[in-house]
Amino acid sequence: MAVPKRKMSKARRDKRRANWKLEAPTLVSCPQCHEPKMPHHVCTECGYYDGKEVISAE
């Protein structure tokens, strides 16, 4: 069974745990309506993707 040979210091332990950070989602402007949208996703405002209407937005 794997057992640690030495106690891990608090600094070393906390360095490993320091890399949990959130990133803001990447947004691009829609070429049709210029609203912010996720890249490679259908625009929720106008329903266009790649210059074609995919869903009908009301």
PDB file of N, CA and C in Angstrom:
ATOM      1  N   MET A   1       0.840  -1.177   0.000  1.00  0.00           N
ATOM      2  CA  MET A   1       0.000   0.000   0.000  1.00  0.00           C
ATOM      3  C   MET A   1       0.891   1.248   0.000  1.00  0.00           C
ATOM      4  N   ALA A   2       0.519   2.266  -0.789  1.00  0.00           N
ATOM      5  CA  ALA A   2       1.328   3.479  -0.880  1.00  0.00           C
ATOM      6  C   ALA A   2       1.076   4.370   0.328  1.00  0.00           C
ATOM      7  N   VAL A   3       2.140   4.646   1.063  1.00  0.00           N
ATOM      8  CA  VAL A   3       2.064   5.492   2.247  1.00  0.00           C
ATOM      9  C   VAL A   3       3.137   6.566   2.109  1.00  0.00           C
ATOM     10  N   PRO A   4       2.835   7.846   2.380  1.00  0.00           N
ATOM     11  CA  PRO A   4       3.853   8.888   2.279  1.00  0.00           C
ATOM     12  C   PRO A   4       4.974   8.665   3.289  1.00  0.00           C
ATOM     13  N   LYS A   5       6.210   8.870   2.826  1.00  0.00           N
ATOM     14  CA  LYS A   5       7.363   8.681   3.697  1.00  0.00           C
ATOM     15  C   LYS A   5       7.598   9.897   4.580  1.00  0.00           C
ATOM     16  N   ARG A   6       7.281  11.094   4.069  1.00  0.00           N
ATOM     17  CA  ARG A   6       7.459  12.332   4.820  1.00  0.00           C
ATOM     18  C   ARG A   6       6.166  13.148   4.788  1.00  0.00           C
ATOM     19  N   LYS A   7       5.981  13.970   5.826  1.00  0.00           N
ATOM     20  CA  LYS A   7       4.822  14.855   5.877  1.00  0.00           C
ATOM     21  C   LYS A   7       4.959  15.940   4.801  1.00  0.00           C
ATOM     22  N   MET A   8       3.883  16.186   4.068  1.00  0.00           N
ATOM     23  CA  MET A   8       3.913  17.239   3.056  1.00  0.00           C
ATOM     24  C   MET A   8       3.704  18.584   3.743  1.00  0.00           C
ATOM     25  N   SER A   9       4.569  19.540   3.440  1.00  0.00           N
ATOM     26  CA  SER A   9       4.482  20.851   4.075  1.00  0.00           C
ATOM     27  C   SER A   9       3.221  21.582   3.616  1.00  0.00           C
ATOM     28  N   LYS A  10       2.802  22.555   4.431  1.00  0.00           N
ATOM     29  CA  LYS A  10       1.602  23.330   4.094  1.00  0.00           C
ATOM     30  C   LYS A  10       1.813  24.122   2.813  1.00  0.00           C
ATOM     31  N   ALA A  11       2.998  24.648   2.606  1.00  0.00           N
ATOM     32  CA  ALA A  11       3.277  25.438   1.396  1.00  0.00           C
ATOM     33  C   ALA A  11       3.178  24.562   0.155  1.00  0.00           C
ATOM     34  N   ARG A  12       3.745  23.364   0.213  1.00  0.00           N
ATOM     35  CA  ARG A  12       3.703  22.465  -0.939  1.00  0.00           C
ATOM     36  C   ARG A  12       2.277  22.005  -1.219  1.00  0.00           C
ATOM     37  N   ARG A  13       1.540  21.705  -0.161  1.00  0.00           N
ATOM     38  CA  ARG A  13       0.137  21.284  -0.296  1.00  0.00           C
ATOM     39  C   ARG A  13      -0.706  22.415  -0.893  1.00  0.00           C
ATOM     40  N   ASP A  14      -0.511  23.634  -0.394  1.00  0.00           N
ATOM     41  CA  ASP A  14      -1.319  24.756  -0.854  1.00  0.00           C
ATOM     42  C   ASP A  14      -0.963  25.188  -2.265  1.00  0.00           C
ATOM     43  N   LYS A  15       0.283  24.975  -2.701  1.00  0.00           N
ATOM     44  CA  LYS A  15       0.663  25.272  -4.083  1.00  0.00           C
ATOM     45  C   LYS A  15      -0.125  24.410  -5.054  1.00  0.00           C
ATOM     46  N   ARG A  16      -0.338  23.171  -4.699  1.00  0.00           N
ATOM     47  CA  ARG A  16      -1.101  22.257  -5.542  1.00  0.00           C
ATOM     48  C   ARG A  16      -2.565  22.673  -5.604  1.00  0.00           C
ATOM     49  N   ARG A  17      -3.093  23.165  -4.508  1.00  0.00           N
ATOM     50  CA  ARG A  17      -4.504  23.537  -4.437  1.00  0.00           C
ATOM     51  C   ARG A  17      -4.781  24.937  -4.980  1.00  0.00           C
ATOM     52  N   ALA A  18      -3.744  25.686  -5.343  1.00  0.00           N
ATOM     53  CA  ALA A  18      -3.912  27.077  -5.766  1.00  0.00           C
ATOM     54  C   ALA A  18      -4.384  27.201  -7.203  1.00  0.00           C
ATOM     55  N   ASN A  19      -4.438  26.116  -7.974  1.00  0.00           N
ATOM     56  CA  ASN A  19      -4.737  26.199  -9.396  1.00  0.00           C
ATOM     57  C   ASN A  19      -6.205  26.005  -9.720  1.00  0.00           C
ATOM     58  N   TRP A  20      -7.088  26.093  -8.734  1.00  0.00           N
ATOM     59  CA  TRP A  20      -8.527  25.980  -8.967  1.00  0.00           C
ATOM     60  C   TRP A  20      -9.087  27.373  -9.149  1.00  0.00           C
ATOM     61  N   LYS A  21      -9.140  27.851 -10.396  1.00  0.00           N
ATOM     62  CA  LYS A  21      -9.690  29.176 -10.618  1.00  0.00           C
ATOM     63  C   LYS A  21     -10.710  29.148 -11.746  1.00  0.00           C
ATOM     64  N   LEU A  22     -11.666  30.038 -11.671  1.00  0.00           N
ATOM     65  CA  LEU A  22     -12.702  30.121 -12.688  1.00  0.00           C
ATOM     66  C   LEU A  22     -12.270  31.079 -13.782  1.00  0.00           C
ATOM     67  N   GLU A  23     -12.722  30.803 -14.985  1.00  0.00           N
ATOM     68  CA  GLU A  23     -12.471  31.697 -16.110  1.00  0.00           C
ATOM     69  C   GLU A  23     -13.805  32.191 -16.637  1.00  0.00           C
ATOM     70  N   ALA A  24     -13.835  33.434 -17.056  1.00  0.00           N
ATOM     71  CA  ALA A  24     -15.043  33.983 -17.657  1.00  0.00           C
ATOM     72  C   ALA A  24     -15.242  33.338 -19.029  1.00  0.00           C
ATOM     73  N   PRO A  25     -16.492  33.058 -19.420  1.00  0.00           N
ATOM     74  CA  PRO A  25     -16.698  32.419 -20.716  1.00  0.00           C
ATOM     75  C   PRO A  25     -16.295  33.352 -21.854  1.00  0.00           C
ATOM     76  N   THR A  26     -15.742  32.776 -22.918  1.00  0.00           N
ATOM     77  CA  THR A  26     -15.337  33.548 -24.087  1.00  0.00           C
ATOM     78  C   THR A  26     -16.582  33.941 -24.869  1.00  0.00           C
ATOM     79  N   LEU A  27     -16.678  35.208 -25.219  1.00  0.00           N
ATOM     80  CA  LEU A  27     -17.813  35.704 -25.978  1.00  0.00           C
ATOM     81  C   LEU A  27     -17.319  36.396 -27.241  1.00  0.00           C
ATOM     82  N   VAL A  28     -18.052  36.218 -28.336  1.00  0.00           N
ATOM     83  CA  VAL A  28     -17.781  36.907 -29.589  1.00  0.00           C
ATOM     84  C   VAL A  28     -19.074  37.593 -30.013  1.00  0.00           C
ATOM     85  N   SER A  29     -18.965  38.576 -30.901  1.00  0.00           N
ATOM     86  CA  SER A  29     -20.184  39.244 -31.354  1.00  0.00           C
ATOM     87  C   SER A  29     -20.757  38.499 -32.546  1.00  0.00           C
ATOM     88  N   CYS A  30     -22.071  38.391 -32.577  1.00  0.00           N
ATOM     89  CA  CYS A  30     -22.772  37.716 -33.661  1.00  0.00           C
ATOM     90  C   CYS A  30     -22.649  38.570 -34.922  1.00  0.00           C
ATOM     91  N   PRO A  31     -22.296  37.982 -36.071  1.00  0.00           N
ATOM     92  CA  PRO A  31     -22.175  38.783 -37.286  1.00  0.00           C
ATOM     93  C   PRO A  31     -23.511  39.314 -37.806  1.00  0.00           C
ATOM     94  N   GLN A  32     -24.635  38.700 -37.412  1.00  0.00           N
ATOM     95  CA  GLN A  32     -25.949  39.137 -37.868  1.00  0.00           C
ATOM     96  C   GLN A  32     -26.481  40.301 -37.028  1.00  0.00           C
ATOM     97  N   CYS A  33     -26.569  40.081 -35.704  1.00  0.00           N
ATOM     98  CA  CYS A  33     -27.211  41.075 -34.829  1.00  0.00           C
ATOM     99  C   CYS A  33     -26.223  41.773 -33.898  1.00  0.00           C
ATOM    100  N   HIS A  34     -24.981  41.358 -33.893  1.00  0.00           N
ATOM    101  CA  HIS A  34     -23.896  41.968 -33.098  1.00  0.00           C
ATOM    102  C   HIS A  34     -24.123  41.856 -31.593  1.00  0.00           C
ATOM    103  N   GLU A  35     -24.877  40.859 -31.169  1.00  0.00           N
ATOM    104  CA  GLU A  35     -25.039  40.578 -29.747  1.00  0.00           C
ATOM    105  C   GLU A  35     -23.937  39.603 -29.324  1.00  0.00           C
ATOM    106  N   PRO A  36     -23.506  39.633 -28.060  1.00  0.00           N
ATOM    107  CA  PRO A  36     -22.477  38.674 -27.618  1.00  0.00           C
ATOM    108  C   PRO A  36     -23.038  37.250 -27.580  1.00  0.00           C
ATOM    109  N   LYS A  37     -22.237  36.291 -28.057  1.00  0.00           N
ATOM    110  CA  LYS A  37     -22.641  34.883 -28.043  1.00  0.00           C
ATOM    111  C   LYS A  37     -21.409  34.025 -27.865  1.00  0.00           C
ATOM    112  N   MET A  38     -21.622  32.777 -27.505  1.00  0.00           N
ATOM    113  CA  MET A  38     -20.521  31.831 -27.361  1.00  0.00           C
ATOM    114  C   MET A  38     -20.016  31.447 -28.749  1.00  0.00           C
ATOM    115  N   PRO A  39     -18.701  31.297 -28.935  1.00  0.00           N
ATOM    116  CA  PRO A  39     -18.210  30.897 -30.248  1.00  0.00           C
ATOM    117  C   PRO A  39     -18.654  29.479 -30.593  1.00  0.00           C
ATOM    118  N   HIS A  40     -18.945  29.239 -31.868  1.00  0.00           N
ATOM    119  CA  HIS A  40     -19.389  27.938 -32.384  1.00  0.00           C
ATOM    120  C   HIS A  40     -20.737  27.519 -31.812  1.00  0.00           C
ATOM    121  N   HIS A  41     -21.584  28.477 -31.446  1.00  0.00           N
ATOM    122  CA  HIS A  41     -22.924  28.209 -30.945  1.00  0.00           C
ATOM    123  C   HIS A  41     -23.927  29.048 -31.735  1.00  0.00           C
ATOM    124  N   VAL A  42     -25.162  28.599 -31.764  1.00  0.00           N
ATOM    125  CA  VAL A  42     -26.235  29.354 -32.397  1.00  0.00           C
ATOM    126  C   VAL A  42     -26.506  30.586 -31.545  1.00  0.00           C
ATOM    127  N   CYS A  43     -26.713  31.729 -32.196  1.00  0.00           N
ATOM    128  CA  CYS A  43     -27.021  32.965 -31.477  1.00  0.00           C
ATOM    129  C   CYS A  43     -28.408  32.833 -30.862  1.00  0.00           C
ATOM    130  N   THR A  44     -28.516  33.138 -29.583  1.00  0.00           N
ATOM    131  CA  THR A  44     -29.801  33.018 -28.900  1.00  0.00           C
ATOM    132  C   THR A  44     -30.723  34.179 -29.226  1.00  0.00           C
ATOM    133  N   GLU A  45     -30.176  35.291 -29.695  1.00  0.00           N
ATOM    134  CA  GLU A  45     -30.992  36.465 -29.993  1.00  0.00           C
ATOM    135  C   GLU A  45     -31.648  36.351 -31.365  1.00  0.00           C
ATOM    136  N   CYS A  46     -30.859  36.019 -32.410  1.00  0.00           N
ATOM    137  CA  CYS A  46     -31.419  36.018 -33.769  1.00  0.00           C
ATOM    138  C   CYS A  46     -31.594  34.601 -34.341  1.00  0.00           C
ATOM    139  N   GLY A  47     -30.951  33.583 -33.755  1.00  0.00           N
ATOM    140  CA  GLY A  47     -31.126  32.211 -34.215  1.00  0.00           C
ATOM    141  C   GLY A  47     -30.260  31.831 -35.403  1.00  0.00           C
ATOM    142  N   TYR A  48     -29.251  32.650 -35.726  1.00  0.00           N
ATOM    143  CA  TYR A  48     -28.386  32.366 -36.876  1.00  0.00           C
ATOM    144  C   TYR A  48     -27.116  31.653 -36.438  1.00  0.00           C
ATOM    145  N   TYR A  49     -26.617  30.792 -37.335  1.00  0.00           N
ATOM    146  CA  TYR A  49     -25.316  30.157 -37.162  1.00  0.00           C
ATOM    147  C   TYR A  49     -24.704  29.983 -38.545  1.00  0.00           C
ATOM    148  N   ASP A  50     -23.487  30.462 -38.733  1.00  0.00           N
ATOM    149  CA  ASP A  50     -22.751  30.340 -39.989  1.00  0.00           C
ATOM    150  C   ASP A  50     -23.521  30.978 -41.152  1.00  0.00           C
ATOM    151  N   GLY A  51     -24.195  32.110 -40.880  1.00  0.00           N
ATOM    152  CA  GLY A  51     -24.912  32.834 -41.917  1.00  0.00           C
ATOM    153  C   GLY A  51     -26.264  32.265 -42.296  1.00  0.00           C
ATOM    154  N   LYS A  52     -26.698  31.181 -41.624  1.00  0.00           N
ATOM    155  CA  LYS A  52     -27.982  30.568 -41.940  1.00  0.00           C
ATOM    156  C   LYS A  52     -28.869  30.597 -40.707  1.00  0.00           C
ATOM    157  N   GLU A  53     -30.167  30.763 -40.897  1.00  0.00           N
ATOM    158  CA  GLU A  53     -31.103  30.726 -39.778  1.00  0.00           C
ATOM    159  C   GLU A  53     -31.342  29.278 -39.384  1.00  0.00           C
ATOM    160  N   VAL A  54     -30.964  28.946 -38.177  1.00  0.00           N
ATOM    161  CA  VAL A  54     -31.076  27.571 -37.690  1.00  0.00           C
ATOM    162  C   VAL A  54     -32.349  27.403 -36.867  1.00  0.00           C
ATOM    163  N   ILE A  55     -32.622  28.347 -35.995  1.00  0.00           N
ATOM    164  CA  ILE A  55     -33.841  28.333 -35.204  1.00  0.00           C
ATOM    165  C   ILE A  55     -34.559  29.654 -35.431  1.00  0.00           C
ATOM    166  N   SER A  56     -35.876  29.634 -35.379  1.00  0.00           N
ATOM    167  CA  SER A  56     -36.624  30.869 -35.587  1.00  0.00           C
ATOM    168  C   SER A  56     -36.749  31.600 -34.259  1.00  0.00           C
ATOM    169  N   ALA A  57     -36.178  32.785 -34.198  1.00  0.00           N
ATOM    170  CA  ALA A  57     -36.261  33.615 -33.005  1.00  0.00           C
ATOM    171  C   ALA A  57     -37.419  34.589 -33.164  1.00  0.00           C
ATOM    172  N   GLU A  58     -38.163  34.771 -32.085  1.00  0.00           N
ATOM    173  CA  GLU A  58     -39.344  35.651 -32.161  1.00  0.00           C
ATOM    174  C   GLU A  58     -39.036  37.035 -31.650  1.00  0.00           C
TER     175      GLU A  58
END
